[in-house]
Amino acid sequence: MVYYSELNEWFTGNAFRSFSLKYVVDKCIYYKVGNKEYEVNGGNFLLACRQPYVKAYFESKEIVKSICIDICSATVAEAFTIMSAKEDHDFDNYRAKYFRYPEFFESVCPVGSSQFKRN
């Protein structure tokens, strides 16, 4: 699912309901995971895994623009399982096997970073 928003204020306690890419087009959005707060400014995105009780919030006199791309956990697990397979790629039977989920820490990245530039 892809969501686009233009808001002056927002608060949620369930910001990471799936594997997500949180891109801030303009202004700033804050995400709080446990005791760690991430400040995501315009032109940057936050990459996140599904987890409960993550807060997201902002309040601004000017419109805050953002795009959120959510990918369901089953899709991420299937892709991760296939990509990390070291042996025979039995694509017809992956659905019958146990899917593995990637583990990573949240990170804020500028869109123009070398990792995401076009070649």
Protein backbone atom coordinates (compact mmCIF):
# COMPACT_ATOMS: atom_id res chain seq x y z
CA MET A 1 0.00 0.00 0.00
CA VAL A 2 1.16 3.52 -0.76
CA TYR A 3 -0.13 6.45 1.26
CA TYR A 4 0.41 10.13 0.52
CA SER A 5 -0.50 12.76 3.10
CA GLU A 6 -0.54 16.52 3.51
CA LEU A 7 -1.30 17.38 7.14
CA ASN A 8 -0.61 20.00 9.80
CA GLU A 9 -0.56 17.53 12.66
CA TRP A 10 -0.58 13.81 13.19
CA PHE A 11 -0.10 11.25 15.95
CA THR A 12 -0.24 7.46 15.93
CA GLY A 13 0.91 4.75 18.32
CA ASN A 14 1.07 2.10 15.59
CA ALA A 15 3.44 3.57 12.98
CA PHE A 16 5.27 0.34 12.04
CA ARG A 17 2.37 -2.00 11.27
CA SER A 18 4.36 -3.65 8.47
CA PHE A 19 7.70 -3.42 6.69
CA SER A 20 7.73 0.27 5.75
CA LEU A 21 9.53 3.01 3.94
CA LYS A 22 8.55 6.38 5.47
CA TYR A 23 9.56 9.18 3.10
CA VAL A 24 9.18 12.81 4.17
CA VAL A 25 8.68 15.02 1.13
CA ASP A 26 8.60 18.33 2.99
CA LYS A 27 9.11 19.40 6.63
CA CYS A 28 9.71 16.80 9.42
CA ILE A 29 8.12 13.76 11.10
CA TYR A 30 9.28 12.20 14.36
CA TYR A 31 9.20 8.46 15.08
CA LYS A 32 9.79 7.04 18.55
CA VAL A 33 10.85 3.41 18.92
CA GLY A 34 11.19 2.62 22.63
CA ASN A 35 13.43 5.38 23.98
CA LYS A 36 15.02 6.24 20.62
CA GLU A 37 13.58 9.09 18.57
CA TYR A 38 14.18 9.45 14.84
CA GLU A 39 13.84 12.87 13.23
CA VAL A 40 13.07 12.38 9.53
CA ASN A 41 13.43 15.63 7.61
CA GLY A 42 12.30 16.40 4.07
CA GLY A 43 14.27 14.49 1.44
CA ASN A 44 14.99 11.61 3.84
CA PHE A 45 13.27 8.33 4.59
CA LEU A 46 13.11 5.88 7.46
CA LEU A 47 13.29 2.17 6.72
CA ALA A 48 11.48 0.11 9.36
CA CYS A 49 10.39 -3.42 10.27
CA ARG A 50 7.02 -4.29 11.75
CA GLN A 51 6.87 -3.79 15.51
CA PRO A 52 4.27 -2.65 18.03
CA TYR A 53 3.98 0.61 19.98
CA VAL A 54 5.98 2.84 17.63
CA LYS A 55 4.84 6.45 17.81
CA ALA A 56 4.87 8.91 14.91
CA TYR A 57 4.00 12.56 15.32
CA PHE A 58 4.33 16.15 14.23
CA GLU A 59 2.58 19.48 14.61
CA SER A 60 3.30 22.27 12.14
CA LYS A 61 1.81 25.56 11.00
CA GLU A 62 2.87 24.57 7.49
CA ILE A 63 1.74 21.44 5.64
CA VAL A 64 3.90 18.37 6.20
CA LYS A 65 4.00 16.14 3.10
CA SER A 66 4.91 12.47 3.29
CA ILE A 67 4.68 9.16 1.50
CA CYS A 68 4.47 5.82 3.29
CA ILE A 69 5.01 2.54 1.48
CA ASP A 70 3.85 -0.49 3.48
CA ILE A 71 4.70 -4.03 2.36
CA CYS A 72 2.95 -6.92 4.11
CA SER A 73 5.17 -9.14 6.26
CA ALA A 74 4.38 -12.27 4.23
CA THR A 75 5.68 -10.64 1.04
CA VAL A 76 8.89 -9.53 2.77
CA ALA A 77 9.38 -13.01 4.27
CA GLU A 78 8.87 -14.71 0.91
CA ALA A 79 11.30 -12.39 -0.89
CA PHE A 80 13.88 -12.66 1.91
CA THR A 81 13.66 -16.47 1.95
CA ILE A 82 14.18 -16.71 -1.80
CA MET A 83 16.98 -14.14 -1.91
CA SER A 84 18.89 -15.70 1.00
CA ALA A 85 18.62 -19.33 -0.17
CA LYS A 86 22.09 -20.80 -0.54
CA GLU A 87 21.05 -24.04 -2.19
CA ASP A 88 18.63 -25.25 -4.81
CA HIS A 89 16.01 -22.64 -5.68
CA ASP A 90 12.87 -24.74 -5.52
CA PHE A 91 10.53 -21.83 -6.29
CA ASP A 92 7.46 -24.06 -6.65
CA ASN A 93 7.71 -25.23 -3.04
CA TYR A 94 8.73 -22.06 -1.17
CA ARG A 95 5.17 -21.44 -0.01
CA ALA A 96 5.13 -24.85 1.70
CA LYS A 97 8.29 -24.07 3.67
CA TYR A 98 8.79 -21.88 6.71
CA PHE A 99 9.52 -18.28 5.72
CA ARG A 100 12.30 -16.37 7.40
CA TYR A 101 12.07 -12.68 8.22
CA PRO A 102 14.93 -10.21 7.85
CA GLU A 103 16.14 -8.47 10.97
CA PHE A 104 17.56 -4.98 10.81
CA PHE A 105 17.59 -1.76 12.77
CA GLU A 106 15.73 1.35 11.72
CA SER A 107 17.81 3.83 9.78
CA VAL A 108 17.24 7.28 8.35
CA CYS A 109 18.73 7.80 4.89
CA PRO A 110 18.83 10.70 2.44
CA VAL A 111 17.18 9.79 -0.85
CA GLY A 112 20.25 10.97 -2.78
CA SER A 113 22.69 8.79 -0.84
CA SER A 114 25.05 6.64 -2.89
CA GLN A 115 23.07 3.51 -1.94
CA PHE A 116 19.97 4.77 -3.78
CA LYS A 117 21.31 6.83 -6.67
CA ARG A 118 20.63 5.77 -10.22
CA ASN A 119 23.61 4.55 -12.21
